[in-house]
Amino acid sequence: MTTPLTWQKSSFSGGGTGDSCVELADSPTAIHLRESDTPTTILTTTPTALYALLATLKNGNDLPG
């Protein structure tokens, strides 16, 4: 049996009733991201990879590749 994901809306979404926000859910081995207006499209990654992406973007560095 699979436990359903509990989605959290981004704090930058403004808390309005619009459907333009990023949502996040975590599971024991992964982080799941989706945009609320297309909830069936889910990006799944590891916490380490997501942290590396966010750190790179925050520091203004180019992504490798």
C-alpha atoms as a PDB file:
ATOM      1  CA  MET A   1       0.000   0.000   0.000  1.00  0.00           C
ATOM      2  CA  THR A   2       1.312   3.436  -0.945  1.00  0.00           C
ATOM      3  CA  THR A   3       0.894   6.314   1.471  1.00  0.00           C
ATOM      4  CA  PRO A   4      -0.603   9.361  -0.268  1.00  0.00           C
ATOM      5  CA  LEU A   5       1.628  12.416  -0.467  1.00  0.00           C
ATOM      6  CA  THR A   6       0.825  15.456   1.659  1.00  0.00           C
ATOM      7  CA  TRP A   7       1.362  18.557  -0.473  1.00  0.00           C
ATOM      8  CA  GLN A   8       2.428  21.946   0.908  1.00  0.00           C
ATOM      9  CA  LYS A   9       2.029  25.199  -0.969  1.00  0.00           C
ATOM     10  CA  SER A  10       5.090  27.414  -1.353  1.00  0.00           C
ATOM     11  CA  SER A  11       5.264  30.319   1.088  1.00  0.00           C
ATOM     12  CA  PHE A  12       5.865  32.565  -1.950  1.00  0.00           C
ATOM     13  CA  SER A  13       2.455  31.689  -3.403  1.00  0.00           C
ATOM     14  CA  GLY A  14       0.738  34.484  -1.533  1.00  0.00           C
ATOM     15  CA  GLY A  15      -1.946  32.297   0.007  1.00  0.00           C
ATOM     16  CA  GLY A  16      -4.568  33.401  -2.496  1.00  0.00           C
ATOM     17  CA  THR A  17      -7.113  31.273  -4.243  1.00  0.00           C
ATOM     18  CA  GLY A  18      -5.193  31.216  -7.545  1.00  0.00           C
ATOM     19  CA  ASP A  19      -3.720  28.108  -9.064  1.00  0.00           C
ATOM     20  CA  SER A  20      -0.267  29.561  -9.759  1.00  0.00           C
ATOM     21  CA  CYS A  21       1.948  28.055  -7.115  1.00  0.00           C
ATOM     22  CA  VAL A  22       4.576  25.430  -6.514  1.00  0.00           C
ATOM     23  CA  GLU A  23       3.729  22.587  -4.146  1.00  0.00           C
ATOM     24  CA  LEU A  24       6.130  20.237  -2.392  1.00  0.00           C
ATOM     25  CA  ALA A  25       5.721  16.842  -0.742  1.00  0.00           C
ATOM     26  CA  ASP A  26       8.338  14.618   0.793  1.00  0.00           C
ATOM     27  CA  SER A  27       8.627  10.890   1.208  1.00  0.00           C
ATOM     28  CA  PRO A  28      11.324   8.853   2.967  1.00  0.00           C
ATOM     29  CA  THR A  29      13.655   8.863  -0.059  1.00  0.00           C
ATOM     30  CA  ALA A  30      12.499  11.677  -2.350  1.00  0.00           C
ATOM     31  CA  ILE A  31      11.209  15.209  -2.737  1.00  0.00           C
ATOM     32  CA  HIS A  32       8.248  15.743  -5.065  1.00  0.00           C
ATOM     33  CA  LEU A  33       7.441  19.074  -6.748  1.00  0.00           C
ATOM     34  CA  ARG A  34       4.452  20.084  -8.834  1.00  0.00           C
ATOM     35  CA  GLU A  35       2.737  23.193 -10.118  1.00  0.00           C
ATOM     36  CA  SER A  36      -0.777  23.478  -8.777  1.00  0.00           C
ATOM     37  CA  ASP A  37      -2.366  24.150 -12.165  1.00  0.00           C
ATOM     38  CA  THR A  38      -0.931  20.853 -13.516  1.00  0.00           C
ATOM     39  CA  PRO A  39      -0.989  18.571 -10.445  1.00  0.00           C
ATOM     40  CA  THR A  40      -0.574  15.361 -12.420  1.00  0.00           C
ATOM     41  CA  THR A  41       2.912  16.414 -13.592  1.00  0.00           C
ATOM     42  CA  ILE A  42       5.291  15.700 -10.702  1.00  0.00           C
ATOM     43  CA  LEU A  43       9.049  16.195 -10.603  1.00  0.00           C
ATOM     44  CA  THR A  44      10.730  13.739  -8.226  1.00  0.00           C
ATOM     45  CA  THR A  45      14.285  14.229  -7.009  1.00  0.00           C
ATOM     46  CA  THR A  46      16.517  13.487  -4.039  1.00  0.00           C
ATOM     47  CA  PRO A  47      17.004  15.969  -1.200  1.00  0.00           C
ATOM     48  CA  THR A  48      20.728  16.203  -2.064  1.00  0.00           C
ATOM     49  CA  ALA A  49      20.095  17.055  -5.725  1.00  0.00           C
ATOM     50  CA  LEU A  50      17.406  19.619  -4.859  1.00  0.00           C
ATOM     51  CA  TYR A  51      19.700  21.267  -2.299  1.00  0.00           C
ATOM     52  CA  ALA A  52      22.502  21.480  -4.884  1.00  0.00           C
ATOM     53  CA  LEU A  53      20.151  23.060  -7.439  1.00  0.00           C
ATOM     54  CA  LEU A  54      18.809  25.614  -4.954  1.00  0.00           C
ATOM     55  CA  ALA A  55      22.309  26.488  -3.696  1.00  0.00           C
ATOM     56  CA  THR A  56      23.507  26.989  -7.281  1.00  0.00           C
ATOM     57  CA  LEU A  57      20.553  29.217  -8.136  1.00  0.00           C
ATOM     58  CA  LYS A  58      20.856  31.194  -4.903  1.00  0.00           C
ATOM     59  CA  ASN A  59      24.540  31.873  -5.514  1.00  0.00           C
ATOM     60  CA  GLY A  60      23.904  32.967  -9.097  1.00  0.00           C
ATOM     61  CA  ASN A  61      26.158  30.292 -10.562  1.00  0.00           C
ATOM     62  CA  ASP A  62      25.609  28.618 -13.901  1.00  0.00           C
ATOM     63  CA  LEU A  63      24.317  25.069 -13.853  1.00  0.00           C
ATOM     64  CA  PRO A  64      26.813  22.462 -15.045  1.00  0.00           C
ATOM     65  CA  GLY A  65      26.482  21.142 -18.591  1.00  0.00           C
END
